[in-house]
N, C-alpha and C. Protein backbone atom coordinates (compact mmCIF):
# COMPACT_ATOMS: atom_id res chain seq x y z
N MET A 1 54.31 113.62 67.56
CA MET A 1 53.18 114.80 67.85
C MET A 1 52.59 115.26 67.01
N GLU A 2 53.35 115.53 65.81
CA GLU A 2 52.95 116.46 64.97
C GLU A 2 51.43 115.78 64.04
N ILE A 3 51.53 114.35 64.20
CA ILE A 3 50.13 113.50 63.81
C ILE A 3 48.77 114.12 64.70
N GLY A 4 49.36 114.37 65.91
CA GLY A 4 48.11 114.65 66.69
C GLY A 4 47.39 116.09 66.09
N LYS A 5 48.20 117.23 66.20
CA LYS A 5 48.05 118.13 66.02
C LYS A 5 47.67 118.55 64.43
N THR A 6 47.92 117.79 63.50
CA THR A 6 47.26 117.75 62.43
C THR A 6 45.90 117.06 62.48
N LEU A 7 45.63 115.98 63.37
CA LEU A 7 44.23 115.87 63.11
C LEU A 7 43.52 116.49 64.01
N ASP A 8 44.19 117.08 64.90
CA ASP A 8 43.47 117.68 66.23
C ASP A 8 42.53 118.81 64.81
N ASN A 9 43.60 119.60 64.29
CA ASN A 9 42.96 120.88 63.49
C ASN A 9 42.21 120.03 62.26
N TYR A 10 42.21 119.03 61.82
CA TYR A 10 41.32 118.57 60.52
C TYR A 10 39.79 118.05 61.38
N ILE A 11 39.86 117.93 62.70
CA ILE A 11 38.60 117.39 63.30
C ILE A 11 37.50 118.84 63.89
N LYS A 12 38.49 119.63 63.97
CA LYS A 12 38.05 121.55 64.35
C LYS A 12 37.75 121.76 63.03
N ILE A 13 38.49 121.77 62.07
CA ILE A 13 37.74 122.41 60.73
C ILE A 13 36.53 121.53 60.03
N MET A 14 36.44 120.05 60.13
CA MET A 14 35.49 119.25 59.62
C MET A 14 34.22 119.58 60.34
N VAL A 15 33.83 119.64 61.92
CA VAL A 15 32.64 120.06 62.89
C VAL A 15 32.73 121.39 62.43
N LYS A 16 33.50 122.31 62.22
CA LYS A 16 32.82 123.37 61.90
C LYS A 16 32.05 124.12 60.63
N ASN A 17 32.67 123.13 59.73
CA ASN A 17 32.18 123.05 58.35
C ASN A 17 30.67 122.23 58.67
N ILE A 18 30.52 121.16 59.41
CA ILE A 18 29.32 120.71 59.26
C ILE A 18 28.12 121.42 60.21
N LEU A 19 28.87 122.22 61.59
CA LEU A 19 27.85 123.14 62.31
C LEU A 19 27.32 124.38 61.13
N ASP A 20 28.64 124.82 60.60
CA ASP A 20 27.83 126.42 59.59
C ASP A 20 27.10 125.78 58.17
N GLU A 21 26.93 124.45 58.04
CA GLU A 21 26.25 124.41 56.73
C GLU A 21 24.83 123.62 57.53
N ASN A 22 24.48 123.45 58.84
CA ASN A 22 23.36 123.10 59.40
C ASN A 22 22.88 124.25 60.25
N LYS A 23 23.62 125.40 60.38
CA LYS A 23 22.74 126.75 61.06
C LYS A 23 22.77 126.72 62.23
N PHE A 24 23.42 125.94 63.31
CA PHE A 24 22.72 125.82 64.46
C PHE A 24 22.98 127.35 65.39
N PRO A 25 21.77 127.18 65.97
CA PRO A 25 21.01 128.83 66.25
C PRO A 25 22.66 128.97 67.42
N ASP A 26 23.13 130.08 68.04
CA ASP A 26 23.88 130.56 68.99
C ASP A 26 23.08 130.76 70.18
N TYR A 27 23.62 129.48 71.12
CA TYR A 27 22.62 129.51 72.08
C TYR A 27 23.14 130.71 73.00
N ASP A 28 22.33 131.30 73.82
CA ASP A 28 22.82 132.32 74.94
C ASP A 28 22.18 132.16 76.25
N ASP A 29 21.98 130.58 76.41
CA ASP A 29 21.15 130.03 77.82
C ASP A 29 22.14 129.25 78.42
N ILE A 30 23.34 129.77 78.40
CA ILE A 30 24.44 128.84 79.33
C ILE A 30 24.31 129.57 80.52
N HIS A 31 24.58 128.25 81.66
CA HIS A 31 24.56 128.94 82.96
C HIS A 31 25.32 128.19 83.99
N THR A 32 26.68 128.21 82.98
CA THR A 32 27.78 127.70 83.86
C THR A 32 29.23 128.69 82.97
N ASP A 33 30.15 128.30 83.62
CA ASP A 33 31.63 128.53 83.33
C ASP A 33 32.30 128.06 82.56
N THR A 34 32.15 126.20 83.17
CA THR A 34 33.31 125.43 82.97
C THR A 34 32.56 124.12 82.46
N LEU A 35 33.43 123.50 81.44
CA LEU A 35 32.93 122.11 81.03
C LEU A 35 32.91 121.32 82.59
N ALA A 36 33.47 121.23 83.22
CA ALA A 36 33.56 120.48 84.58
C ALA A 36 32.07 120.54 84.99
N GLU A 37 31.82 121.66 85.37
CA GLU A 37 30.27 121.90 86.33
C GLU A 37 29.16 121.44 85.27
N LEU A 38 29.56 121.74 83.64
CA LEU A 38 28.15 121.36 82.93
C LEU A 38 27.96 119.63 83.09
N ILE A 39 29.18 118.89 83.39
CA ILE A 39 29.43 117.52 83.41
C ILE A 39 28.56 117.15 84.54
N ASP A 40 28.59 117.92 85.79
CA ASP A 40 28.32 117.80 87.08
C ASP A 40 27.12 117.94 87.39
N LYS A 41 26.36 118.99 86.40
CA LYS A 41 24.62 119.12 86.61
C LYS A 41 24.41 118.21 85.76
N LEU A 42 24.82 117.93 84.61
CA LEU A 42 24.31 116.36 83.75
C LEU A 42 24.21 115.29 85.13
N ILE A 43 25.40 114.87 85.53
CA ILE A 43 25.47 113.34 86.12
C ILE A 43 24.59 113.68 87.35
N ILE A 44 24.36 114.67 87.88
CA ILE A 44 23.01 115.17 89.16
C ILE A 44 21.53 115.01 88.29
N VAL A 45 21.41 115.36 87.16
CA VAL A 45 19.96 115.11 86.44
C VAL A 45 19.84 113.71 86.45
N HIS A 46 20.55 113.00 85.94
CA HIS A 46 20.79 111.30 85.49
C HIS A 46 20.39 110.84 87.31
N ILE A 47 21.25 111.25 87.94
CA ILE A 47 21.47 110.46 88.96
C ILE A 47 19.54 111.07 90.00
N ARG A 48 19.36 111.87 89.77
CA ARG A 48 17.71 111.93 90.24
C ARG A 48 16.73 111.61 89.42
N TYR A 49 17.13 111.20 87.87
CA TYR A 49 15.95 110.53 87.24
C TYR A 49 15.90 109.21 87.85
N TRP A 50 16.97 108.37 88.13
CA TRP A 50 17.13 107.06 88.99
C TRP A 50 16.47 106.98 89.94
N TYR A 51 16.80 108.02 90.92
CA TYR A 51 15.88 108.17 92.16
C TYR A 51 14.56 108.21 91.94
N LEU A 52 14.08 108.89 90.83
CA LEU A 52 12.48 108.84 90.86
C LEU A 52 12.20 107.79 90.12
N GLU A 53 13.24 106.92 89.75
CA GLU A 53 12.47 105.75 88.76
C GLU A 53 12.20 104.75 89.84
N ASP A 54 13.23 104.55 91.18
CA ASP A 54 13.20 103.75 92.01
C ASP A 54 11.79 104.26 92.61
N ALA A 55 11.59 105.55 93.03
CA ALA A 55 10.33 106.07 93.82
C ALA A 55 9.40 105.74 93.13
N MET A 56 9.38 105.66 91.85
CA MET A 56 8.00 105.33 90.89
C MET A 56 7.79 104.11 90.99
N SER A 57 8.81 102.66 90.94
CA SER A 57 8.32 101.50 91.18
C SER A 57 7.80 101.41 92.47
N GLU A 58 8.15 102.15 93.80
CA GLU A 58 7.36 102.18 94.72
C GLU A 58 5.81 102.93 95.24
N ALA A 59 5.67 103.66 94.49
CA ALA A 59 4.39 104.57 94.35
C ALA A 59 3.24 103.44 95.28
N LYS A 60 2.85 104.38 95.99
CA LYS A 60 1.49 103.35 96.39
C LYS A 60 -0.05 103.96 96.21
N THR A 61 0.16 105.25 95.47
CA THR A 61 -1.36 105.66 94.56
C THR A 61 -0.85 106.18 93.50
N ASP A 62 -2.32 106.44 92.66
CA ASP A 62 -2.09 106.72 91.25
C ASP A 62 -1.28 108.13 91.43
N GLU A 63 -1.64 109.26 92.24
CA GLU A 63 -1.49 110.20 92.53
C GLU A 63 0.12 110.17 92.51
N GLU A 64 0.61 110.08 93.75
CA GLU A 64 1.97 109.65 93.82
C GLU A 64 2.87 109.54 92.76
N LEU A 65 2.28 108.22 92.08
CA LEU A 65 3.11 107.90 90.76
C LEU A 65 3.04 109.34 89.71
N ALA A 66 1.99 109.93 89.45
CA ALA A 66 1.51 111.18 88.61
C ALA A 66 2.59 111.90 89.45
N HIS A 67 2.75 112.50 90.30
CA HIS A 67 3.45 113.63 91.04
C HIS A 67 5.03 113.12 90.50
N LEU A 68 5.73 111.54 90.88
CA LEU A 68 6.96 111.69 90.61
C LEU A 68 7.10 111.31 88.98
N ARG A 69 6.13 111.56 88.21
CA ARG A 69 6.67 111.20 86.88
C ARG A 69 6.51 112.87 86.02
N ARG A 70 5.52 113.49 86.66
CA ARG A 70 5.88 114.96 86.47
C ARG A 70 7.03 115.28 86.80
N LYS A 71 7.50 114.84 87.94
CA LYS A 71 9.20 115.46 87.87
C LYS A 71 10.19 114.70 87.32
N SER A 72 9.87 113.72 86.91
CA SER A 72 10.77 112.99 85.74
C SER A 72 10.81 113.56 84.31
N GLU A 73 9.58 113.74 84.27
CA GLU A 73 9.95 114.58 82.44
C GLU A 73 10.13 115.64 82.57
N CYS A 74 10.27 116.42 83.72
CA CYS A 74 10.64 117.88 83.98
C CYS A 74 12.58 117.95 83.78
N LEU A 75 12.96 116.93 84.64
CA LEU A 75 14.34 116.74 84.35
C LEU A 75 14.77 116.43 82.28
N PHE A 76 13.98 115.61 81.74
CA PHE A 76 14.37 115.24 80.94
C PHE A 76 14.31 116.02 79.56
N LYS A 77 12.94 116.97 80.07
CA LYS A 77 11.97 118.03 78.91
C LYS A 77 12.60 119.22 79.11
N GLU A 78 13.34 119.93 80.29
CA GLU A 78 13.54 120.92 80.19
C GLU A 78 14.85 120.82 80.68
N LYS A 79 15.62 120.46 81.87
CA LYS A 79 16.63 120.71 82.43
C LYS A 79 17.77 120.14 81.60
N ARG A 80 17.59 118.54 81.69
CA ARG A 80 18.56 118.06 80.44
C ARG A 80 18.65 118.90 78.93
N PRO A 81 17.66 119.08 78.52
CA PRO A 81 18.13 119.70 77.34
C PRO A 81 18.68 121.53 76.96
N MET A 82 18.41 121.84 78.68
CA MET A 82 19.53 122.95 78.48
C MET A 82 20.67 122.84 78.77
N LEU A 83 21.08 121.70 79.69
CA LEU A 83 22.69 121.75 79.93
C LEU A 83 23.07 120.80 78.51
N ILE A 84 22.68 120.66 77.94
CA ILE A 84 22.76 120.11 76.46
C ILE A 84 22.81 121.31 75.62
N GLU A 85 22.31 122.03 75.67
CA GLU A 85 22.69 123.55 75.04
C GLU A 85 23.98 124.11 75.72
N GLY A 86 23.81 124.21 76.83
CA GLY A 86 24.94 124.62 77.15
C GLY A 86 26.20 124.25 77.03
N PHE A 87 26.21 122.66 76.54
CA PHE A 87 27.51 121.77 75.78
C PHE A 87 27.49 122.43 74.48
N ASP A 88 26.59 122.46 73.91
CA ASP A 88 26.61 123.09 72.78
C ASP A 88 27.30 124.42 72.50
N LYS A 89 26.91 125.71 72.97
CA LYS A 89 27.28 126.79 73.23
C LYS A 89 28.84 126.77 73.80
N LEU A 90 29.22 125.79 74.78
CA LEU A 90 30.64 125.99 74.95
C LEU A 90 31.65 125.39 73.98
N ILE A 91 31.28 124.53 73.36
CA ILE A 91 31.66 123.29 71.88
C ILE A 91 31.71 124.89 70.91
N PHE A 92 30.40 125.71 70.56
CA PHE A 92 30.90 126.47 69.68
C PHE A 92 31.97 127.67 69.84
N LYS A 93 31.66 127.94 71.06
CA LYS A 93 33.01 128.90 71.62
C LYS A 93 34.27 128.55 71.28
N ILE A 94 34.56 127.09 71.90
CA ILE A 94 35.92 126.99 71.24
C ILE A 94 36.15 126.72 70.34
N LEU A 95 35.39 126.19 69.48
CA LEU A 95 35.70 125.96 67.88
C LEU A 95 35.93 127.37 67.32
N GLU A 96 35.31 128.37 67.57
CA GLU A 96 35.57 129.20 66.96
C GLU A 96 36.84 130.50 67.67
N GLY A 97 37.10 129.94 68.60
CA GLY A 97 38.24 130.27 69.47
C GLY A 97 38.02 131.66 70.62
N LYS A 98 36.66 131.79 70.58
CA LYS A 98 36.08 132.76 71.65
C LYS A 98 36.31 132.22 73.13
N GLU A 99 36.20 131.08 73.32
CA GLU A 99 36.85 130.44 74.51
C GLU A 99 37.89 129.13 74.16
N VAL A 100 38.90 129.37 75.65
CA VAL A 100 40.06 128.11 75.37
C VAL A 100 39.68 127.35 76.54
N TYR A 101 40.17 126.13 76.17
CA TYR A 101 39.61 124.97 76.94
C TYR A 101 40.73 124.75 78.01
N THR A 102 41.23 125.12 79.10
CA THR A 102 41.85 124.31 79.84
C THR A 102 41.66 124.11 81.24
N PRO A 103 42.22 122.61 81.01
CA PRO A 103 41.80 122.30 82.28
C PRO A 103 41.99 122.66 84.05
N SER A 104 41.26 123.45 84.73
CA SER A 104 41.66 123.84 85.92
C SER A 104 41.47 123.29 87.46
N ASN A 105 42.08 123.47 88.07
CA ASN A 105 41.96 122.33 89.59
C ASN A 105 42.18 120.68 89.39
N THR A 106 43.21 120.70 88.92
CA THR A 106 43.27 119.02 88.21
C THR A 106 44.09 118.47 89.55
N LYS A 107 43.76 117.71 89.84
CA LYS A 107 44.20 117.09 91.12
C LYS A 107 45.84 116.34 90.69
N GLN A 108 46.78 116.64 91.98
CA GLN A 108 48.40 115.76 91.43
C GLN A 108 48.29 115.30 92.63
N TYR A 109 48.53 113.68 91.83
CA TYR A 109 48.57 112.82 92.89
C TYR A 109 50.12 112.67 93.44
N LYS A 110 50.44 112.20 94.80
CA LYS A 110 51.82 111.97 95.08
C LYS A 110 52.60 111.15 94.05
N GLY A 111 53.73 111.65 93.72
CA GLY A 111 54.53 110.97 92.66
C GLY A 111 54.67 111.32 91.60
N TRP A 112 53.51 112.17 91.30
CA TRP A 112 52.77 112.45 89.64
C TRP A 112 54.66 113.29 88.84
N LYS A 113 55.18 113.50 89.30
CA LYS A 113 56.49 114.14 88.75
C LYS A 113 57.20 113.06 87.91
N ASN A 114 57.30 111.88 88.78
CA ASN A 114 57.97 110.88 88.70
C ASN A 114 57.12 110.63 86.80
């Protein structure tokens, strides 16, 4: 178990050094409190994009196709980058010790104690 802790500390130090060298900005645009919420939102963005791709392949008019393309571009040019910035901010906070990551609401299955 000691090797795992040593490796974990090494990774934290290396990531922090790399981030410090590149001077990443301190994002203040996070819209969530947990890692799980960020993952959920990113999954929703991808599902919406797949839905729009299907709809674009079935579009009947150029206007309909253009409308669907604008929606899909909004997802990947605005919403997705915003969520990625949220991930960045959360990771920065965890690495700097300003945020402690602990899984919450973990599901316990029957027989989990065994």
